[in-house]
Amino acid sequence: MKNIILVIIITFLGFSAQAQSKKNKNLKYTTEVNGNCEQCKKRIEKAAFGVPGVKMANWDISSHQLTVILNEEKCSPSDLNKAIAKVGHDTKEVKASEEDYNNLHTCCKYER
């Protein structure tokens, strides 16, 4: 009887310890995004936040680096790059279409 109770207690503790282990699915991702100004910053960050799973997005004007924290279960870096290219900004991985680039304001156009 004592052995059965001991086995039940050990089993219960094993399951409760396993339930508490939470895997972190957040990924910090950084990529280069072309742009020039404060309007570009707003547009790039808005496009990033438009991707489901993006928790934080910050584009630095001087370094052209976009830093994002995203949930890998909801989106991928590829999804993010496509969304940014769709609003007219080239990334290292995905280039914006000519039409999307031409829709940018004149001050936002960068050397391609």
N, C-alpha and C. Protein backbone atom coordinates (compact mmCIF):
# COMPACT_ATOMS: atom_id res chain seq x y z
N MET A 1 0.81 -1.19 0.00
CA MET A 1 0.00 0.00 0.00
C MET A 1 0.86 1.27 0.00
N LYS A 2 1.94 1.24 0.79
CA LYS A 2 2.83 2.39 0.84
C LYS A 2 3.49 2.60 -0.52
N ASN A 3 3.82 1.51 -1.20
CA ASN A 3 4.47 1.63 -2.51
C ASN A 3 3.52 2.26 -3.53
N ILE A 4 2.26 1.92 -3.49
CA ILE A 4 1.28 2.48 -4.43
C ILE A 4 1.13 3.97 -4.18
N ILE A 5 1.03 4.38 -2.94
CA ILE A 5 0.91 5.80 -2.59
C ILE A 5 2.16 6.56 -3.02
N LEU A 6 3.33 5.95 -2.83
CA LEU A 6 4.59 6.57 -3.22
C LEU A 6 4.65 6.76 -4.73
N VAL A 7 4.23 5.75 -5.48
CA VAL A 7 4.23 5.84 -6.95
C VAL A 7 3.27 6.93 -7.40
N ILE A 8 2.11 7.04 -6.80
CA ILE A 8 1.13 8.06 -7.15
C ILE A 8 1.69 9.46 -6.87
N ILE A 9 2.33 9.63 -5.75
CA ILE A 9 2.90 10.93 -5.40
C ILE A 9 4.02 11.31 -6.37
N ILE A 10 4.89 10.37 -6.69
CA ILE A 10 6.00 10.65 -7.62
C ILE A 10 5.44 10.99 -9.01
N THR A 11 4.43 10.26 -9.44
CA THR A 11 3.80 10.52 -10.74
C THR A 11 3.18 11.92 -10.76
N PHE A 12 2.46 12.27 -9.70
CA PHE A 12 1.84 13.58 -9.60
C PHE A 12 2.89 14.69 -9.65
N LEU A 13 3.97 14.54 -8.91
CA LEU A 13 5.04 15.55 -8.90
C LEU A 13 5.70 15.66 -10.27
N GLY A 14 5.87 14.54 -10.94
CA GLY A 14 6.47 14.55 -12.28
C GLY A 14 5.62 15.32 -13.27
N PHE A 15 4.31 15.10 -13.25
CA PHE A 15 3.41 15.82 -14.15
C PHE A 15 3.34 17.31 -13.82
N SER A 16 3.33 17.65 -12.56
CA SER A 16 3.25 19.06 -12.20
C SER A 16 4.53 19.80 -12.56
N ALA A 17 5.66 19.16 -12.44
CA ALA A 17 6.93 19.79 -12.83
C ALA A 17 6.99 19.97 -14.34
N GLN A 18 6.49 19.01 -15.07
CA GLN A 18 6.48 19.09 -16.53
C GLN A 18 5.53 20.20 -17.00
N ALA A 19 4.42 20.38 -16.36
CA ALA A 19 3.45 21.40 -16.74
C ALA A 19 3.99 22.80 -16.52
N GLN A 20 4.92 22.96 -15.62
CA GLN A 20 5.45 24.29 -15.32
C GLN A 20 6.57 24.70 -16.26
N SER A 21 7.14 23.78 -16.98
CA SER A 21 8.22 24.15 -17.90
C SER A 21 7.60 24.76 -19.15
N LYS A 22 7.79 26.06 -19.32
CA LYS A 22 7.23 26.81 -20.44
C LYS A 22 8.34 27.10 -21.42
N LYS A 23 8.12 26.73 -22.65
CA LYS A 23 9.12 26.99 -23.67
C LYS A 23 8.92 28.39 -24.21
N ASN A 24 10.02 29.09 -24.40
CA ASN A 24 9.98 30.45 -24.92
C ASN A 24 9.98 30.38 -26.45
N LYS A 25 8.89 30.80 -27.06
CA LYS A 25 8.76 30.78 -28.51
C LYS A 25 9.06 32.13 -29.13
N ASN A 26 9.53 33.09 -28.33
CA ASN A 26 9.85 34.41 -28.84
C ASN A 26 11.25 34.43 -29.42
N LEU A 27 11.39 35.11 -30.54
CA LEU A 27 12.66 35.20 -31.24
C LEU A 27 12.99 36.67 -31.43
N LYS A 28 14.22 37.04 -31.09
CA LYS A 28 14.69 38.40 -31.37
C LYS A 28 15.36 38.35 -32.74
N TYR A 29 14.85 39.16 -33.65
CA TYR A 29 15.30 39.13 -35.04
C TYR A 29 15.71 40.53 -35.46
N THR A 30 16.85 40.65 -36.12
CA THR A 30 17.34 41.94 -36.59
C THR A 30 17.67 41.82 -38.07
N THR A 31 17.25 42.81 -38.84
CA THR A 31 17.57 42.84 -40.27
C THR A 31 17.73 44.28 -40.72
N GLU A 32 18.38 44.46 -41.85
CA GLU A 32 18.58 45.78 -42.41
C GLU A 32 17.39 46.11 -43.32
N VAL A 33 16.84 47.31 -43.14
CA VAL A 33 15.71 47.78 -43.95
C VAL A 33 16.07 49.16 -44.48
N ASN A 34 15.95 49.35 -45.79
CA ASN A 34 16.27 50.64 -46.39
C ASN A 34 15.16 51.65 -46.16
N GLY A 35 15.56 52.88 -45.86
CA GLY A 35 14.64 53.98 -45.63
C GLY A 35 15.44 55.22 -45.26
N ASN A 36 14.76 56.35 -45.09
CA ASN A 36 15.48 57.61 -44.87
C ASN A 36 15.05 58.41 -43.65
N CYS A 37 13.76 58.42 -43.35
CA CYS A 37 13.27 59.46 -42.46
C CYS A 37 12.28 58.93 -41.42
N GLU A 38 11.70 59.87 -40.70
CA GLU A 38 10.73 59.54 -39.65
C GLU A 38 9.47 58.91 -40.24
N GLN A 39 9.05 59.35 -41.43
CA GLN A 39 7.91 58.73 -42.10
C GLN A 39 8.20 57.26 -42.41
N CYS A 40 9.42 56.99 -42.84
CA CYS A 40 9.83 55.60 -43.13
C CYS A 40 9.75 54.77 -41.85
N LYS A 41 10.24 55.35 -40.75
CA LYS A 41 10.23 54.65 -39.47
C LYS A 41 8.81 54.24 -39.10
N LYS A 42 7.87 55.18 -39.19
CA LYS A 42 6.48 54.88 -38.86
C LYS A 42 5.91 53.80 -39.78
N ARG A 43 6.19 53.90 -41.08
CA ARG A 43 5.66 52.95 -42.05
C ARG A 43 6.24 51.55 -41.83
N ILE A 44 7.54 51.47 -41.58
CA ILE A 44 8.20 50.18 -41.38
C ILE A 44 7.70 49.52 -40.10
N GLU A 45 7.64 50.29 -39.02
CA GLU A 45 7.17 49.72 -37.75
C GLU A 45 5.70 49.33 -37.81
N LYS A 46 4.88 50.11 -38.51
CA LYS A 46 3.47 49.78 -38.66
C LYS A 46 3.31 48.47 -39.45
N ALA A 47 4.11 48.32 -40.50
CA ALA A 47 4.06 47.08 -41.29
C ALA A 47 4.49 45.89 -40.44
N ALA A 48 5.51 46.08 -39.61
CA ALA A 48 5.99 45.00 -38.75
C ALA A 48 4.91 44.61 -37.74
N PHE A 49 4.28 45.60 -37.11
CA PHE A 49 3.23 45.30 -36.14
C PHE A 49 1.99 44.70 -36.80
N GLY A 50 1.85 44.88 -38.11
CA GLY A 50 0.73 44.29 -38.84
C GLY A 50 0.86 42.79 -39.03
N VAL A 51 2.04 42.25 -38.78
CA VAL A 51 2.26 40.80 -38.89
C VAL A 51 1.85 40.15 -37.57
N PRO A 52 0.92 39.19 -37.62
CA PRO A 52 0.51 38.53 -36.37
C PRO A 52 1.70 37.87 -35.69
N GLY A 53 1.83 38.08 -34.40
CA GLY A 53 2.92 37.48 -33.64
C GLY A 53 4.07 38.42 -33.33
N VAL A 54 4.08 39.60 -33.94
CA VAL A 54 5.13 40.58 -33.66
C VAL A 54 4.77 41.30 -32.37
N LYS A 55 5.68 41.24 -31.40
CA LYS A 55 5.43 41.84 -30.09
C LYS A 55 6.13 43.18 -29.92
N MET A 56 7.25 43.39 -30.61
CA MET A 56 8.00 44.63 -30.48
C MET A 56 8.71 44.87 -31.81
N ALA A 57 8.71 46.12 -32.25
CA ALA A 57 9.41 46.48 -33.49
C ALA A 57 10.01 47.87 -33.32
N ASN A 58 11.28 48.02 -33.69
CA ASN A 58 11.95 49.31 -33.61
C ASN A 58 12.94 49.41 -34.77
N TRP A 59 12.74 50.42 -35.61
CA TRP A 59 13.66 50.66 -36.73
C TRP A 59 14.50 51.89 -36.42
N ASP A 60 15.82 51.74 -36.49
CA ASP A 60 16.75 52.83 -36.21
C ASP A 60 17.09 53.54 -37.52
N ILE A 61 16.81 54.82 -37.59
CA ILE A 61 17.00 55.59 -38.82
C ILE A 61 18.47 55.62 -39.25
N SER A 62 19.37 55.84 -38.33
CA SER A 62 20.78 56.00 -38.71
C SER A 62 21.45 54.70 -39.14
N SER A 63 21.13 53.60 -38.49
CA SER A 63 21.78 52.32 -38.83
C SER A 63 20.97 51.47 -39.80
N HIS A 64 19.70 51.84 -40.02
CA HIS A 64 18.77 51.09 -40.89
C HIS A 64 18.51 49.68 -40.37
N GLN A 65 18.67 49.48 -39.08
CA GLN A 65 18.44 48.16 -38.48
C GLN A 65 17.05 48.08 -37.86
N LEU A 66 16.31 47.05 -38.25
CA LEU A 66 15.00 46.78 -37.66
C LEU A 66 15.18 45.65 -36.66
N THR A 67 14.82 45.89 -35.41
CA THR A 67 14.88 44.88 -34.37
C THR A 67 13.45 44.53 -33.98
N VAL A 68 13.17 43.23 -34.01
CA VAL A 68 11.81 42.75 -33.78
C VAL A 68 11.84 41.58 -32.80
N ILE A 69 10.84 41.51 -31.94
CA ILE A 69 10.61 40.31 -31.14
C ILE A 69 9.32 39.71 -31.67
N LEU A 70 9.41 38.46 -32.13
CA LEU A 70 8.23 37.82 -32.72
C LEU A 70 8.03 36.43 -32.15
N ASN A 71 6.79 35.98 -32.18
CA ASN A 71 6.40 34.65 -31.72
C ASN A 71 6.55 33.71 -32.90
N GLU A 72 7.46 32.75 -32.79
CA GLU A 72 7.74 31.83 -33.89
C GLU A 72 6.57 30.91 -34.22
N GLU A 73 5.64 30.76 -33.29
CA GLU A 73 4.48 29.92 -33.56
C GLU A 73 3.45 30.63 -34.44
N LYS A 74 3.50 31.96 -34.49
CA LYS A 74 2.51 32.73 -35.23
C LYS A 74 3.04 33.29 -36.54
N CYS A 75 4.34 33.55 -36.63
CA CYS A 75 4.91 34.12 -37.85
C CYS A 75 6.39 33.76 -37.95
N SER A 76 6.96 34.08 -39.10
CA SER A 76 8.38 33.80 -39.33
C SER A 76 9.06 35.08 -39.80
N PRO A 77 10.38 35.12 -39.77
CA PRO A 77 11.09 36.29 -40.31
C PRO A 77 10.75 36.54 -41.78
N SER A 78 10.47 35.48 -42.52
CA SER A 78 10.08 35.62 -43.92
C SER A 78 8.78 36.40 -44.06
N ASP A 79 7.81 36.11 -43.19
CA ASP A 79 6.54 36.84 -43.20
C ASP A 79 6.78 38.33 -42.94
N LEU A 80 7.65 38.61 -42.00
CA LEU A 80 7.98 39.99 -41.65
C LEU A 80 8.62 40.71 -42.83
N ASN A 81 9.60 40.08 -43.46
CA ASN A 81 10.28 40.70 -44.60
C ASN A 81 9.33 40.98 -45.76
N LYS A 82 8.41 40.07 -46.01
CA LYS A 82 7.42 40.27 -47.08
C LYS A 82 6.50 41.44 -46.78
N ALA A 83 6.08 41.57 -45.53
CA ALA A 83 5.19 42.67 -45.14
C ALA A 83 5.89 44.02 -45.30
N ILE A 84 7.16 44.08 -44.96
CA ILE A 84 7.91 45.34 -45.08
C ILE A 84 8.14 45.68 -46.55
N ALA A 85 8.45 44.67 -47.35
CA ALA A 85 8.63 44.91 -48.79
C ALA A 85 7.33 45.38 -49.43
N LYS A 86 6.21 44.91 -48.93
CA LYS A 86 4.90 45.28 -49.48
C LYS A 86 4.61 46.77 -49.31
N VAL A 87 5.19 47.41 -48.28
CA VAL A 87 4.98 48.85 -48.09
C VAL A 87 6.06 49.68 -48.78
N GLY A 88 6.95 49.03 -49.54
CA GLY A 88 7.91 49.76 -50.37
C GLY A 88 9.35 49.80 -49.90
N HIS A 89 9.68 49.10 -48.84
CA HIS A 89 11.05 49.15 -48.32
C HIS A 89 11.76 47.82 -48.53
N ASP A 90 12.97 47.90 -49.09
CA ASP A 90 13.78 46.70 -49.31
C ASP A 90 14.38 46.22 -47.99
N THR A 91 14.43 44.90 -47.82
CA THR A 91 15.16 44.29 -46.70
C THR A 91 16.31 43.52 -47.31
N LYS A 92 17.15 42.97 -46.47
CA LYS A 92 18.26 42.16 -46.98
C LYS A 92 17.75 40.94 -47.75
N GLU A 93 16.62 40.38 -47.28
CA GLU A 93 16.11 39.14 -47.84
C GLU A 93 15.09 39.33 -48.96
N VAL A 94 14.29 40.39 -48.89
CA VAL A 94 13.20 40.59 -49.85
C VAL A 94 13.25 42.02 -50.39
N LYS A 95 13.18 42.16 -51.70
CA LYS A 95 13.16 43.47 -52.34
C LYS A 95 11.72 43.87 -52.63
N ALA A 96 11.41 45.13 -52.43
CA ALA A 96 10.07 45.65 -52.72
C ALA A 96 9.87 45.68 -54.23
N SER A 97 8.63 45.49 -54.64
CA SER A 97 8.33 45.58 -56.07
C SER A 97 8.52 47.03 -56.52
N GLU A 98 8.71 47.21 -57.81
CA GLU A 98 8.91 48.55 -58.36
C GLU A 98 7.68 49.42 -58.09
N GLU A 99 6.50 48.83 -58.20
CA GLU A 99 5.26 49.56 -57.95
C GLU A 99 5.16 50.02 -56.50
N ASP A 100 5.48 49.13 -55.56
CA ASP A 100 5.43 49.50 -54.14
C ASP A 100 6.46 50.58 -53.82
N TYR A 101 7.66 50.46 -54.41
CA TYR A 101 8.71 51.46 -54.18
C TYR A 101 8.28 52.82 -54.73
N ASN A 102 7.67 52.83 -55.91
CA ASN A 102 7.25 54.09 -56.53
C ASN A 102 6.11 54.77 -55.76
N ASN A 103 5.38 54.03 -54.94
CA ASN A 103 4.31 54.61 -54.14
C ASN A 103 4.83 55.36 -52.91
N LEU A 104 6.13 55.26 -52.63
CA LEU A 104 6.70 55.98 -51.49
C LEU A 104 6.74 57.48 -51.76
N HIS A 105 6.66 58.27 -50.70
CA HIS A 105 6.81 59.72 -50.79
C HIS A 105 8.22 60.02 -51.30
N THR A 106 8.42 61.15 -51.95
CA THR A 106 9.72 61.45 -52.56
C THR A 106 10.85 61.50 -51.53
N CYS A 107 10.58 61.97 -50.32
CA CYS A 107 11.66 62.03 -49.32
C CYS A 107 12.02 60.64 -48.80
N CYS A 108 11.16 59.67 -49.03
CA CYS A 108 11.38 58.32 -48.52
C CYS A 108 12.12 57.42 -49.51
N LYS A 109 12.27 57.89 -50.74
CA LYS A 109 12.93 57.07 -51.76
C LYS A 109 14.43 57.01 -51.48
N TYR A 110 14.97 55.85 -51.48
CA TYR A 110 16.37 55.58 -51.15
C TYR A 110 17.06 55.01 -52.39
N GLU A 111 18.38 54.97 -52.35
CA GLU A 111 19.13 54.38 -53.46
C GLU A 111 18.96 52.88 -53.46
N ARG A 112 18.59 52.34 -54.60
CA ARG A 112 18.36 50.89 -54.68
C ARG A 112 19.56 50.19 -55.20
